[in-house]
């Protein structure tokens, strides 16, 4: 039985083809880079928010500058029409997103097949 941790010597590549860096090292480095990117974006967002809050705290505002938001009042017919419009928008967005995803995947598959000189059927 072959162990998952140590490959048999007959299956291991010759020394000239063995990678110079182990897969564990590459995965660890990519994980650290990913977490560093996430941490950096969080740090930048917090720093920017703190700057904006400090600027807003120093800027004087008067009661005349504040604008009260007025909630729109819709009649029942306008509300029904809005629901219909939202449904059509969602359907169109789903269709367009699906078309873009399938088209891009097909284009990518054809491009990679051409690049690697691989054919998948009678062409």
PDB file of N, CA and C in Angstrom:
ATOM      1  N   UNK A   1       0.842  -1.179   0.000  1.00  0.00           N
ATOM      2  CA  UNK A   1       0.000   0.000   0.000  1.00  0.00           C
ATOM      3  C   UNK A   1       0.887   1.242   0.000  1.00  0.00           C
ATOM      4  N   UNK A   2       0.530   2.227  -0.794  1.00  0.00           N
ATOM      5  CA  UNK A   2       1.321   3.447  -0.921  1.00  0.00           C
ATOM      6  C   UNK A   2       0.853   4.443   0.126  1.00  0.00           C
ATOM      7  N   UNK A   3       1.789   5.004   0.857  1.00  0.00           N
ATOM      8  CA  UNK A   3       1.462   6.002   1.872  1.00  0.00           C
ATOM      9  C   UNK A   3       1.248   7.350   1.199  1.00  0.00           C
ATOM     10  N   UNK A   4       0.343   8.158   1.752  1.00  0.00           N
ATOM     11  CA  UNK A   4       0.051   9.475   1.174  1.00  0.00           C
ATOM     12  C   UNK A   4       1.159  10.475   1.461  1.00  0.00           C
ATOM     13  N   UNK A   5       1.967  10.216   2.474  1.00  0.00           N
ATOM     14  CA  UNK A   5       2.992  11.199   2.846  1.00  0.00           C
ATOM     15  C   UNK A   5       4.317  10.965   2.150  1.00  0.00           C
ATOM     16  N   UNK A   6       4.659   9.728   1.886  1.00  0.00           N
ATOM     17  CA  UNK A   6       5.945   9.445   1.243  1.00  0.00           C
ATOM     18  C   UNK A   6       5.696   8.672  -0.038  1.00  0.00           C
ATOM     19  N   UNK A   7       5.929   9.294  -1.197  1.00  0.00           N
ATOM     20  CA  UNK A   7       5.711   8.577  -2.452  1.00  0.00           C
ATOM     21  C   UNK A   7       6.809   7.537  -2.658  1.00  0.00           C
ATOM     22  N   UNK A   8       6.485   6.438  -3.302  1.00  0.00           N
ATOM     23  CA  UNK A   8       7.521   5.448  -3.578  1.00  0.00           C
ATOM     24  C   UNK A   8       8.550   6.027  -4.537  1.00  0.00           C
ATOM     25  N   UNK A   9       9.754   5.493  -4.479  1.00  0.00           N
ATOM     26  CA  UNK A   9      10.845   6.049  -5.288  1.00  0.00           C
ATOM     27  C   UNK A   9      10.601   5.859  -6.773  1.00  0.00           C
ATOM     28  N   UNK A  10       9.809   4.849  -7.159  1.00  0.00           N
ATOM     29  CA  UNK A  10       9.557   4.636  -8.578  1.00  0.00           C
ATOM     30  C   UNK A  10       8.640   5.708  -9.158  1.00  0.00           C
ATOM     31  N   UNK A  11       7.837   6.374  -8.311  1.00  0.00           N
ATOM     32  CA  UNK A  11       6.925   7.403  -8.790  1.00  0.00           C
ATOM     33  C   UNK A  11       7.491   8.806  -8.665  1.00  0.00           C
ATOM     34  N   UNK A  12       8.579   8.982  -7.953  1.00  0.00           N
ATOM     35  CA  UNK A  12       9.127  10.326  -7.772  1.00  0.00           C
ATOM     36  C   UNK A  12       9.898  10.738  -9.020  1.00  0.00           C
ATOM     37  N   UNK A  13       9.833  12.031  -9.373  1.00  0.00           N
ATOM     38  CA  UNK A  13      10.535  12.485 -10.573  1.00  0.00           C
ATOM     39  C   UNK A  13      12.043  12.456 -10.359  1.00  0.00           C
ATOM     40  N   UNK A  14      12.790  12.416 -11.448  1.00  0.00           N
ATOM     41  CA  UNK A  14      14.251  12.438 -11.313  1.00  0.00           C
ATOM     42  C   UNK A  14      14.703  13.756 -10.690  1.00  0.00           C
ATOM     43  N   UNK A  15      15.891  13.787 -10.103  1.00  0.00           N
ATOM     44  CA  UNK A  15      16.361  15.004  -9.423  1.00  0.00           C
ATOM     45  C   UNK A  15      16.379  16.239 -10.310  1.00  0.00           C
ATOM     46  N   UNK A  16      16.570  16.071 -11.615  1.00  0.00           N
ATOM     47  CA  UNK A  16      16.616  17.241 -12.498  1.00  0.00           C
ATOM     48  C   UNK A  16      15.242  17.883 -12.670  1.00  0.00           C
ATOM     49  N   UNK A  17      14.172  17.110 -12.433  1.00  0.00           N
ATOM     50  CA  UNK A  17      12.818  17.639 -12.611  1.00  0.00           C
ATOM     51  C   UNK A  17      12.140  18.004 -11.300  1.00  0.00           C
ATOM     52  N   UNK A  18      12.783  17.747 -10.181  1.00  0.00           N
ATOM     53  CA  UNK A  18      12.169  18.086  -8.909  1.00  0.00           C
ATOM     54  C   UNK A  18      12.170  19.598  -8.725  1.00  0.00           C
ATOM     55  N   UNK A  19      11.077  20.145  -8.187  1.00  0.00           N
ATOM     56  CA  UNK A  19      11.009  21.600  -8.014  1.00  0.00           C
ATOM     57  C   UNK A  19      12.037  22.076  -6.995  1.00  0.00           C
ATOM     58  N   UNK A  20      12.546  23.281  -7.239  1.00  0.00           N
ATOM     59  CA  UNK A  20      13.544  23.826  -6.324  1.00  0.00           C
ATOM     60  C   UNK A  20      12.904  24.291  -5.019  1.00  0.00           C
ATOM     61  N   UNK A  21      11.620  24.610  -5.046  1.00  0.00           N
ATOM     62  CA  UNK A  21      10.891  25.038  -3.852  1.00  0.00           C
ATOM     63  C   UNK A  21       9.754  24.046  -3.629  1.00  0.00           C
ATOM     64  N   UNK A  22       9.561  23.636  -2.398  1.00  0.00           N
ATOM     65  CA  UNK A  22       8.515  22.647  -2.130  1.00  0.00           C
ATOM     66  C   UNK A  22       7.130  23.288  -2.249  1.00  0.00           C
ATOM     67  N   UNK A  23       6.139  22.436  -2.469  1.00  0.00           N
ATOM     68  CA  UNK A  23       4.771  22.923  -2.608  1.00  0.00           C
ATOM     69  C   UNK A  23       4.272  23.539  -1.306  1.00  0.00           C
ATOM     70  N   UNK A  24       4.701  22.996  -0.194  1.00  0.00           N
ATOM     71  CA  UNK A  24       4.291  23.538   1.101  1.00  0.00           C
ATOM     72  C   UNK A  24       4.795  24.967   1.263  1.00  0.00           C
ATOM     73  N   UNK A  25       6.011  25.214   0.821  1.00  0.00           N
ATOM     74  CA  UNK A  25       6.572  26.566   0.910  1.00  0.00           C
ATOM     75  C   UNK A  25       5.781  27.535   0.041  1.00  0.00           C
ATOM     76  N   UNK A  26       5.430  27.099  -1.153  1.00  0.00           N
ATOM     77  CA  UNK A  26       4.667  27.963  -2.065  1.00  0.00           C
ATOM     78  C   UNK A  26       3.277  28.243  -1.489  1.00  0.00           C
ATOM     79  N   UNK A  27       2.618  27.210  -0.971  1.00  0.00           N
ATOM     80  CA  UNK A  27       1.290  27.412  -0.387  1.00  0.00           C
ATOM     81  C   UNK A  27       1.353  28.303   0.846  1.00  0.00           C
ATOM     82  N   UNK A  28       2.373  28.122   1.658  1.00  0.00           N
ATOM     83  CA  UNK A  28       2.523  28.962   2.848  1.00  0.00           C
ATOM     84  C   UNK A  28       2.756  30.412   2.450  1.00  0.00           C
ATOM     85  N   UNK A  29       3.627  30.633   1.465  1.00  0.00           N
ATOM     86  CA  UNK A  29       3.909  32.000   1.018  1.00  0.00           C
ATOM     87  C   UNK A  29       2.667  32.648   0.419  1.00  0.00           C
ATOM     88  N   UNK A  30       1.904  31.896  -0.366  1.00  0.00           N
ATOM     89  CA  UNK A  30       0.695  32.482  -0.956  1.00  0.00           C
ATOM     90  C   UNK A  30      -0.350  32.764   0.119  1.00  0.00           C
ATOM     91  N   UNK A  31      -0.451  31.903   1.119  1.00  0.00           N
ATOM     92  CA  UNK A  31      -1.378  32.159   2.224  1.00  0.00           C
ATOM     93  C   UNK A  31      -0.993  33.393   3.017  1.00  0.00           C
ATOM     94  N   UNK A  32       0.310  33.550   3.269  1.00  0.00           N
ATOM     95  CA  UNK A  32       0.783  34.736   3.987  1.00  0.00           C
ATOM     96  C   UNK A  32       0.521  35.993   3.164  1.00  0.00           C
ATOM     97  N   UNK A  33       0.756  35.917   1.850  1.00  0.00           N
ATOM     98  CA  UNK A  33       0.504  37.076   0.990  1.00  0.00           C
ATOM     99  C   UNK A  33      -0.983  37.423   0.966  1.00  0.00           C
ATOM    100  N   UNK A  34      -1.840  36.408   0.910  1.00  0.00           N
ATOM    101  CA  UNK A  34      -3.281  36.642   0.909  1.00  0.00           C
ATOM    102  C   UNK A  34      -3.724  37.300   2.211  1.00  0.00           C
ATOM    103  N   UNK A  35      -3.295  36.722   3.331  1.00  0.00           N
ATOM    104  CA  UNK A  35      -3.674  37.293   4.623  1.00  0.00           C
ATOM    105  C   UNK A  35      -3.076  38.681   4.810  1.00  0.00           C
ATOM    106  N   UNK A  36      -1.878  38.897   4.295  1.00  0.00           N
ATOM    107  CA  UNK A  36      -1.285  40.231   4.357  1.00  0.00           C
ATOM    108  C   UNK A  36      -2.086  41.240   3.551  1.00  0.00           C
ATOM    109  N   UNK A  37      -2.582  40.829   2.394  1.00  0.00           N
ATOM    110  CA  UNK A  37      -3.420  41.716   1.588  1.00  0.00           C
ATOM    111  C   UNK A  37      -4.728  42.047   2.270  1.00  0.00           C
ATOM    112  N   UNK A  38      -5.363  41.039   2.859  1.00  0.00           N
ATOM    113  CA  UNK A  38      -6.611  41.278   3.591  1.00  0.00           C
ATOM    114  C   UNK A  38      -6.353  42.191   4.784  1.00  0.00           C
ATOM    115  N   UNK A  39      -5.300  41.887   5.541  1.00  0.00           N
ATOM    116  CA  UNK A  39      -4.967  42.718   6.706  1.00  0.00           C
ATOM    117  C   UNK A  39      -4.626  44.140   6.310  1.00  0.00           C
ATOM    118  N   UNK A  40      -3.888  44.302   5.213  1.00  0.00           N
ATOM    119  CA  UNK A  40      -3.539  45.639   4.741  1.00  0.00           C
ATOM    120  C   UNK A  40      -4.755  46.433   4.309  1.00  0.00           C
ATOM    121  N   UNK A  41      -5.700  45.775   3.652  1.00  0.00           N
ATOM    122  CA  UNK A  41      -6.903  46.501   3.228  1.00  0.00           C
ATOM    123  C   UNK A  41      -7.754  46.899   4.430  1.00  0.00           C
ATOM    124  N   UNK A  42      -7.824  46.032   5.435  1.00  0.00           N
ATOM    125  CA  UNK A  42      -8.564  46.388   6.653  1.00  0.00           C
ATOM    126  C   UNK A  42      -7.878  47.549   7.363  1.00  0.00           C
ATOM    127  N   UNK A  43      -6.556  47.475   7.470  1.00  0.00           N
ATOM    128  CA  UNK A  43      -5.790  48.545   8.123  1.00  0.00           C
ATOM    129  C   UNK A  43      -5.989  49.872   7.389  1.00  0.00           C
ATOM    130  N   UNK A  44      -5.925  49.854   6.039  1.00  0.00           N
ATOM    131  CA  UNK A  44      -6.094  51.070   5.252  1.00  0.00           C
ATOM    132  C   UNK A  44      -7.504  51.630   5.419  1.00  0.00           C
ATOM    133  N   UNK A  45      -8.516  50.755   5.402  1.00  0.00           N
ATOM    134  CA  UNK A  45      -9.898  51.217   5.553  1.00  0.00           C
ATOM    135  C   UNK A  45     -10.120  51.862   6.915  1.00  0.00           C
ATOM    136  N   UNK A  46      -9.585  51.241   7.957  1.00  0.00           N
ATOM    137  CA  UNK A  46      -9.739  51.823   9.297  1.00  0.00           C
ATOM    138  C   UNK A  46      -9.016  53.161   9.401  1.00  0.00           C
ATOM    139  N   UNK A  47      -7.828  53.248   8.809  1.00  0.00           N
ATOM    140  CA  UNK A  47      -7.069  54.500   8.850  1.00  0.00           C
ATOM    141  C   UNK A  47      -7.812  55.609   8.106  1.00  0.00           C
ATOM    142  N   UNK A  48      -8.361  55.270   6.949  1.00  0.00           N
ATOM    143  CA  UNK A  48      -9.105  56.256   6.166  1.00  0.00           C
ATOM    144  C   UNK A  48     -10.365  56.701   6.906  1.00  0.00           C
ATOM    145  N   UNK A  49     -11.077  55.758   7.524  1.00  0.00           N
ATOM    146  CA  UNK A  49     -12.280  56.096   8.280  1.00  0.00           C
ATOM    147  C   UNK A  49     -11.940  56.977   9.476  1.00  0.00           C
ATOM    148  N   UNK A  50     -10.842  56.684  10.162  1.00  0.00           N
ATOM    149  CA  UNK A  50     -10.436  57.509  11.305  1.00  0.00           C
ATOM    150  C   UNK A  50     -10.103  58.928  10.848  1.00  0.00           C
ATOM    151  N   UNK A  51      -9.447  59.054   9.690  1.00  0.00           N
ATOM    152  CA  UNK A  51      -9.130  60.378   9.144  1.00  0.00           C
ATOM    153  C   UNK A  51     -10.403  61.153   8.820  1.00  0.00           C
ATOM    154  N   UNK A  52     -11.357  60.481   8.183  1.00  0.00           N
ATOM    155  CA  UNK A  52     -12.615  61.140   7.829  1.00  0.00           C
ATOM    156  C   UNK A  52     -13.398  61.538   9.075  1.00  0.00           C
ATOM    157  N   UNK A  53     -13.399  60.678  10.082  1.00  0.00           N
ATOM    158  CA  UNK A  53     -14.101  61.009  11.329  1.00  0.00           C
ATOM    159  C   UNK A  53     -13.447  62.185  12.036  1.00  0.00           C
ATOM    160  N   UNK A  54     -12.116  62.238  12.030  1.00  0.00           N
ATOM    161  CA  UNK A  54     -11.415  63.361  12.654  1.00  0.00           C
ATOM    162  C   UNK A  54     -11.718  64.656  11.907  1.00  0.00           C
ATOM    163  N   UNK A  55     -11.774  64.589  10.580  1.00  0.00           N
ATOM    164  CA  UNK A  55     -12.090  65.773   9.780  1.00  0.00           C
ATOM    165  C   UNK A  55     -13.533  66.212  10.022  1.00  0.00           C
ATOM    166  N   UNK A  56     -14.450  65.256  10.111  1.00  0.00           N
ATOM    167  CA  UNK A  56     -15.854  65.594  10.351  1.00  0.00           C
ATOM    168  C   UNK A  56     -16.051  66.176  11.744  1.00  0.00           C
ATOM    169  N   UNK A  57     -15.258  65.733  12.705  1.00  0.00           N
ATOM    170  CA  UNK A  57     -15.397  66.248  14.070  1.00  0.00           C
ATOM    171  C   UNK A  57     -14.909  67.684  14.175  1.00  0.00           C
ATOM    172  N   UNK A  58     -13.945  68.072  13.345  1.00  0.00           N
ATOM    173  CA  UNK A  58     -13.414  69.436  13.414  1.00  0.00           C
ATOM    174  C   UNK A  58     -14.204  70.414  12.559  1.00  0.00           C
ATOM    175  N   UNK A  59     -15.010  69.929  11.628  1.00  0.00           N
ATOM    176  CA  UNK A  59     -15.780  70.801  10.752  1.00  0.00           C
ATOM    177  C   UNK A  59     -17.074  71.194  11.451  1.00  0.00           C
ATOM    178  N   UNK A  60     -17.326  72.495  11.621  1.00  0.00           N
ATOM    179  CA  UNK A  60     -18.570  72.912  12.276  1.00  0.00           C
ATOM    180  C   UNK A  60     -19.762  72.745  11.330  1.00  0.00           C
ATOM    181  N   UNK A  61     -20.850  72.265  11.882  1.00  0.00           N
ATOM    182  CA  UNK A  61     -22.085  72.138  11.104  1.00  0.00           C
ATOM    183  C   UNK A  61     -23.196  72.855  11.852  1.00  0.00           C
ATOM    184  N   UNK A  62     -24.015  73.528  11.103  1.00  0.00           N
ATOM    185  CA  UNK A  62     -25.145  74.223  11.719  1.00  0.00           C
ATOM    186  C   UNK A  62     -26.429  73.485  11.370  1.00  0.00           C
ATOM    187  N   UNK A  63     -27.486  73.844  12.037  1.00  0.00           N
ATOM    188  CA  UNK A  63     -28.770  73.185  11.806  1.00  0.00           C
ATOM    189  C   UNK A  63     -29.284  73.458  10.402  1.00  0.00           C
ATOM    190  N   UNK A  64     -28.912  74.596   9.812  1.00  0.00           N
ATOM    191  CA  UNK A  64     -29.390  74.912   8.467  1.00  0.00           C
ATOM    192  C   UNK A  64     -28.683  74.070   7.410  1.00  0.00           C
ATOM    193  N   UNK A  65     -27.500  73.546   7.711  1.00  0.00           N
ATOM    194  CA  UNK A  65     -26.779  72.733   6.736  1.00  0.00           C
ATOM    195  C   UNK A  65     -27.288  71.298   6.691  1.00  0.00           C
ATOM    196  N   UNK A  66     -27.914  70.848   7.741  1.00  0.00           N
ATOM    197  CA  UNK A  66     -28.400  69.477   7.784  1.00  0.00           C
ATOM    198  C   UNK A  66     -29.662  69.360   6.941  1.00  0.00           C
ATOM    199  N   UNK A  67     -29.692  68.358   6.093  1.00  0.00           N
ATOM    200  CA  UNK A  67     -30.840  68.131   5.224  1.00  0.00           C
ATOM    201  C   UNK A  67     -31.569  66.898   5.731  1.00  0.00           C
ATOM    202  N   UNK A  68     -32.848  67.056   5.967  1.00  0.00           N
ATOM    203  CA  UNK A  68     -33.652  65.933   6.425  1.00  0.00           C
ATOM    204  C   UNK A  68     -34.102  65.121   5.213  1.00  0.00           C
ATOM    205  N   UNK A  69     -33.912  63.826   5.290  1.00  0.00           N
ATOM    206  CA  UNK A  69     -34.336  62.949   4.209  1.00  0.00           C
ATOM    207  C   UNK A  69     -35.833  62.713   4.314  1.00  0.00           C
ATOM    208  N   UNK A  70     -36.498  62.783   3.178  1.00  0.00           N
ATOM    209  CA  UNK A  70     -37.934  62.558   3.135  1.00  0.00           C
ATOM    210  C   UNK A  70     -38.165  61.221   2.442  1.00  0.00           C
ATOM    211  N   UNK A  71     -38.824  60.326   3.130  1.00  0.00           N
ATOM    212  CA  UNK A  71     -39.102  59.018   2.554  1.00  0.00           C
ATOM    213  C   UNK A  71     -40.176  59.163   1.482  1.00  0.00           C
ATOM    214  N   UNK A  72     -39.969  58.551   0.316  1.00  0.00           N
ATOM    215  CA  UNK A  72     -40.981  58.657  -0.731  1.00  0.00           C
ATOM    216  C   UNK A  72     -42.219  57.840  -0.369  1.00  0.00           C
ATOM    217  N   UNK A  73     -43.351  58.358  -0.741  1.00  0.00           N
ATOM    218  CA  UNK A  73     -44.618  57.671  -0.489  1.00  0.00           C
ATOM    219  C   UNK A  73     -45.109  57.139  -1.828  1.00  0.00           C
ATOM    220  N   UNK A  74     -45.293  55.826  -1.896  1.00  0.00           N
ATOM    221  CA  UNK A  74     -45.740  55.199  -3.132  1.00  0.00           C
ATOM    222  C   UNK A  74     -47.195  54.768  -2.993  1.00  0.00           C
ATOM    223  N   UNK A  75     -47.933  54.980  -4.057  1.00  0.00           N
ATOM    224  CA  UNK A  75     -49.303  54.475  -4.088  1.00  0.00           C
ATOM    225  C   UNK A  75     -49.238  52.965  -4.349  1.00  0.00           C
ATOM    226  N   UNK A  76     -50.311  52.235  -4.073  1.00  0.00           N
ATOM    227  CA  UNK A  76     -50.286  50.783  -4.323  1.00  0.00           C
ATOM    228  C   UNK A  76     -49.982  50.426  -5.781  1.00  0.00           C
ATOM    229  N   UNK A  77     -50.482  51.212  -6.729  1.00  0.00           N
ATOM    230  CA  UNK A  77     -50.199  50.905  -8.135  1.00  0.00           C
ATOM    231  C   UNK A  77     -48.723  51.155  -8.457  1.00  0.00           C
ATOM    232  N   UNK A  78     -48.144  52.213  -7.890  1.00  0.00           N
ATOM    233  CA  UNK A  78     -46.714  52.466  -8.103  1.00  0.00           C
ATOM    234  C   UNK A  78     -45.864  51.370  -7.465  1.00  0.00           C
ATOM    235  N   UNK A  79     -46.288  50.868  -6.329  1.00  0.00           N
ATOM    236  CA  UNK A  79     -45.558  49.804  -5.648  1.00  0.00           C
ATOM    237  C   UNK A  79     -45.595  48.514  -6.463  1.00  0.00           C
ATOM    238  N   UNK A  80     -46.776  48.185  -7.027  1.00  0.00           N
ATOM    239  CA  UNK A  80     -46.882  46.994  -7.880  1.00  0.00           C
ATOM    240  C   UNK A  80     -45.996  47.135  -9.108  1.00  0.00           C
ATOM    241  N   UNK A  81     -46.007  48.324  -9.708  1.00  0.00           N
ATOM    242  CA  UNK A  81     -45.174  48.562 -10.892  1.00  0.00           C
ATOM    243  C   UNK A  81     -43.689  48.446 -10.540  1.00  0.00           C
ATOM    244  N   UNK A  82     -43.317  48.931  -9.362  1.00  0.00           N
ATOM    245  CA  UNK A  82     -41.921  48.835  -8.925  1.00  0.00           C
ATOM    246  C   UNK A  82     -41.515  47.373  -8.744  1.00  0.00           C
ATOM    247  N   UNK A  83     -42.424  46.544  -8.200  1.00  0.00           N
ATOM    248  CA  UNK A  83     -42.125  45.119  -8.031  1.00  0.00           C
ATOM    249  C   UNK A  83     -41.939  44.443  -9.382  1.00  0.00           C
ATOM    250  N   UNK A  84     -42.769  44.791 -10.358  1.00  0.00           N
ATOM    251  CA  UNK A  84     -42.638  44.213 -11.697  1.00  0.00           C
ATOM    252  C   UNK A  84     -41.309  44.643 -12.319  1.00  0.00           C
ATOM    253  N   UNK A  85     -40.973  45.918 -12.188  1.00  0.00           N
ATOM    254  CA  UNK A  85     -39.713  46.412 -12.743  1.00  0.00           C
ATOM    255  C   UNK A  85     -38.508  45.732 -12.099  1.00  0.00           C
ATOM    256  N   UNK A  86     -38.576  45.520 -10.798  1.00  0.00           N
ATOM    257  CA  UNK A  86     -37.472  44.854 -10.100  1.00  0.00           C
ATOM    258  C   UNK A  86     -37.340  43.412 -10.578  1.00  0.00           C
ATOM    259  N   UNK A  87     -38.459  42.739 -10.783  1.00  0.00           N
ATOM    260  CA  UNK A  87     -38.417  41.359 -11.278  1.00  0.00           C
ATOM    261  C   UNK A  87     -37.768  41.271 -12.648  1.00  0.00           C
ATOM    262  N   UNK A  88     -38.161  42.180 -13.560  1.00  0.00           N
ATOM    263  CA  UNK A  88     -37.559  42.187 -14.892  1.00  0.00           C
ATOM    264  C   UNK A  88     -36.073  42.523 -14.832  1.00  0.00           C
ATOM    265  N   UNK A  89     -35.718  43.466 -13.980  1.00  0.00           N
ATOM    266  CA  UNK A  89     -34.305  43.818 -13.840  1.00  0.00           C
ATOM    267  C   UNK A  89     -33.498  42.619 -13.345  1.00  0.00           C
ATOM    268  N   UNK A  90     -34.034  41.902 -12.358  1.00  0.00           N
ATOM    269  CA  UNK A  90     -33.329  40.729 -11.827  1.00  0.00           C
ATOM    270  C   UNK A  90     -33.188  39.652 -12.894  1.00  0.00           C
ATOM    271  N   UNK A  91     -34.238  39.430 -13.681  1.00  0.00           N
ATOM    272  CA  UNK A  91     -34.183  38.430 -14.742  1.00  0.00           C
ATOM    273  C   UNK A  91     -33.166  38.819 -15.812  1.00  0.00           C
ATOM    274  N   UNK A  92     -33.164  40.083 -16.203  1.00  0.00           N
ATOM    275  CA  UNK A  92     -32.192  40.548 -17.196  1.00  0.00           C
ATOM    276  C   UNK A  92     -30.766  40.442 -16.667  1.00  0.00           C
ATOM    277  N   UNK A  93     -30.565  40.802 -15.398  1.00  0.00           N
ATOM    278  CA  UNK A  93     -29.226  40.720 -14.804  1.00  0.00           C
ATOM    279  C   UNK A  93     -28.754  39.273 -14.737  1.00  0.00           C
ATOM    280  N   UNK A  94     -29.654  38.349 -14.367  1.00  0.00           N
ATOM    281  CA  UNK A  94     -29.295  36.937 -14.323  1.00  0.00           C
ATOM    282  C   UNK A  94     -28.939  36.421 -15.715  1.00  0.00           C
ATOM    283  N   UNK A  95     -29.738  36.778 -16.707  1.00  0.00           N
ATOM    284  CA  UNK A  95     -29.463  36.343 -18.073  1.00  0.00           C
ATOM    285  C   UNK A  95     -28.152  36.887 -18.600  1.00  0.00           C
ATOM    286  N   UNK A  96     -27.921  38.170 -18.376  1.00  0.00           N
ATOM    287  CA  UNK A  96     -26.680  38.777 -18.854  1.00  0.00           C
ATOM    288  C   UNK A  96     -25.468  38.204 -18.128  1.00  0.00           C
ATOM    289  N   UNK A  97     -25.583  38.012 -16.820  1.00  0.00           N
ATOM    290  CA  UNK A  97     -24.475  37.427 -16.059  1.00  0.00           C
ATOM    291  C   UNK A  97     -24.170  36.010 -16.508  1.00  0.00           C
ATOM    292  N   UNK A  98     -25.221  35.221 -16.756  1.00  0.00           N
ATOM    293  CA  UNK A  98     -25.028  33.854 -17.237  1.00  0.00           C
ATOM    294  C   UNK A  98     -24.384  33.856 -18.612  1.00  0.00           C
ATOM    295  N   UNK A  99     -24.854  34.724 -19.490  1.00  0.00           N
ATOM    296  CA  UNK A  99     -24.286  34.816 -20.828  1.00  0.00           C
ATOM    297  C   UNK A  99     -22.813  35.207 -20.783  1.00  0.00           C
ATOM    298  N   UNK A 100     -22.484  36.185 -19.958  1.00  0.00           N
ATOM    299  CA  UNK A 100     -21.088  36.599 -19.831  1.00  0.00           C
ATOM    300  C   UNK A 100     -20.222  35.482 -19.259  1.00  0.00           C
ATOM    301  N   UNK A 101     -20.721  34.781 -18.241  1.00  0.00           N
ATOM    302  CA  UNK A 101     -19.934  33.711 -17.622  1.00  0.00           C
ATOM    303  C   UNK A 101     -19.694  32.563 -18.596  1.00  0.00           C
ATOM    304  N   UNK A 102     -20.744  32.125 -19.293  1.00  0.00           N
ATOM    305  CA  UNK A 102     -20.605  31.014 -20.230  1.00  0.00           C
ATOM    306  C   UNK A 102     -19.747  31.425 -21.423  1.00  0.00           C
ATOM    307  N   UNK A 103     -19.974  32.627 -21.936  1.00  0.00           N
ATOM    308  CA  UNK A 103     -19.177  33.095 -23.067  1.00  0.00           C
ATOM    309  C   UNK A 103     -17.709  33.241 -22.729  1.00  0.00           C
ATOM    310  N   UNK A 104     -17.427  33.788 -21.566  1.00  0.00           N
ATOM    311  CA  UNK A 104     -16.038  33.953 -21.150  1.00  0.00           C
ATOM    312  C   UNK A 104     -15.382  32.605 -20.918  1.00  0.00           C
ATOM    313  N   UNK A 105     -16.109  31.674 -20.314  1.00  0.00           N
ATOM    314  CA  UNK A 105     -15.555  30.342 -20.081  1.00  0.00           C
ATOM    315  C   UNK A 105     -15.267  29.640 -21.401  1.00  0.00           C
ATOM    316  N   UNK A 106     -16.185  29.740 -22.346  1.00  0.00           N
ATOM    317  CA  UNK A 106     -15.961  29.135 -23.660  1.00  0.00           C
ATOM    318  C   UNK A 106     -14.783  29.751 -24.384  1.00  0.00           C
ATOM    319  N   UNK A 107     -14.702  31.072 -24.346  1.00  0.00           N
ATOM    320  CA  UNK A 107     -13.572  31.756 -24.984  1.00  0.00           C
ATOM    321  C   UNK A 107     -12.262  31.354 -24.332  1.00  0.00           C
ATOM    322  N   UNK A 108     -12.251  31.285 -23.021  1.00  0.00           N
ATOM    323  CA  UNK A 108     -11.045  30.881 -22.301  1.00  0.00           C
ATOM    324  C   UNK A 108     -10.667  29.442 -22.642  1.00  0.00           C
ATOM    325  N   UNK A 109     -11.650  28.547 -22.725  1.00  0.00           N
ATOM    326  CA  UNK A 109     -11.367  27.149 -23.057  1.00  0.00           C
ATOM    327  C   UNK A 109     -10.792  27.027 -24.462  1.00  0.00           C
ATOM    328  N   UNK A 110     -11.360  27.759 -25.412  1.00  0.00           N
ATOM    329  CA  UNK A 110     -10.844  27.721 -26.781  1.00  0.00           C
ATOM    330  C   UNK A 110      -9.438  28.306 -26.844  1.00  0.00           C
ATOM    331  N   UNK A 111      -9.207  29.413 -26.131  1.00  0.00           N
ATOM    332  CA  UNK A 111      -7.880  30.039 -26.145  1.00  0.00           C
ATOM    333  C   UNK A 111      -6.824  29.128 -25.528  1.00  0.00           C
ATOM    334  N   UNK A 112      -7.150  28.499 -24.416  1.00  0.00           N
ATOM    335  CA  UNK A 112      -6.182  27.589 -23.783  1.00  0.00           C
ATOM    336  C   UNK A 112      -5.961  26.369 -24.665  1.00  0.00           C
ATOM    337  N   UNK A 113      -7.024  25.851 -25.271  1.00  0.00           N
ATOM    338  CA  UNK A 113      -6.874  24.729 -26.193  1.00  0.00           C
ATOM    339  C   UNK A 113      -5.995  25.075 -27.379  1.00  0.00           C
ATOM    340  N   UNK A 114      -6.170  26.280 -27.922  1.00  0.00           N
ATOM    341  CA  UNK A 114      -5.323  26.714 -29.040  1.00  0.00           C
ATOM    342  C   UNK A 114      -3.879  26.881 -28.588  1.00  0.00           C
ATOM    343  N   UNK A 115      -3.701  27.470 -27.410  1.00  0.00           N
ATOM    344  CA  UNK A 115      -2.354  27.724 -26.898  1.00  0.00           C
ATOM    345  C   UNK A 115      -1.614  26.415 -26.629  1.00  0.00           C
ATOM    346  N   UNK A 116      -2.317  25.420 -26.075  1.00  0.00           N
ATOM    347  CA  UNK A 116      -1.685  24.137 -25.770  1.00  0.00           C
ATOM    348  C   UNK A 116      -1.769  23.161 -26.939  1.00  0.00           C
ATOM    349  N   UNK A 117      -2.371  23.584 -28.039  1.00  0.00           N
ATOM    350  CA  UNK A 117      -2.539  22.757 -29.232  1.00  0.00           C
ATOM    351  C   UNK A 117      -3.278  21.463 -28.887  1.00  0.00           C
ATOM    352  N   UNK A 118      -4.437  21.624 -28.246  1.00  0.00           N
ATOM    353  CA  UNK A 118      -5.267  20.494 -27.847  1.00  0.00           C
ATOM    354  C   UNK A 118      -6.607  20.636 -28.555  1.00  0.00           C
ATOM    355  N   UNK A 119      -7.099  19.539 -29.120  1.00  0.00           N
ATOM    356  CA  UNK A 119      -8.396  19.565 -29.781  1.00  0.00           C
ATOM    357  C   UNK A 119      -9.348  18.650 -29.034  1.00  0.00           C
ATOM    358  N   UNK A 120     -10.611  19.026 -28.984  1.00  0.00           N
ATOM    359  CA  UNK A 120     -11.604  18.253 -28.264  1.00  0.00           C
ATOM    360  C   UNK A 120     -12.732  17.883 -29.212  1.00  0.00           C
ATOM    361  N   UNK A 121     -12.457  17.057 -30.162  1.00  0.00           N
ATOM    362  CA  UNK A 121     -13.486  16.636 -31.085  1.00  0.00           C
ATOM    363  C   UNK A 121     -13.090  16.934 -32.518  1.00  0.00           C
ATOM    364  N   UNK A 122     -13.948  16.545 -33.445  1.00  0.00           N
ATOM    365  CA  UNK A 122     -13.632  16.749 -34.869  1.00  0.00           C
ATOM    366  C   UNK A 122     -13.804  18.212 -35.274  1.00  0.00           C
ATOM    367  N   UNK A 123     -12.685  18.880 -35.475  1.00  0.00           N
ATOM    368  CA  UNK A 123     -12.721  20.284 -35.911  1.00  0.00           C
ATOM    369  C   UNK A 123     -11.908  20.425 -37.171  1.00  0.00           C
TER     370      UNK A 123
END
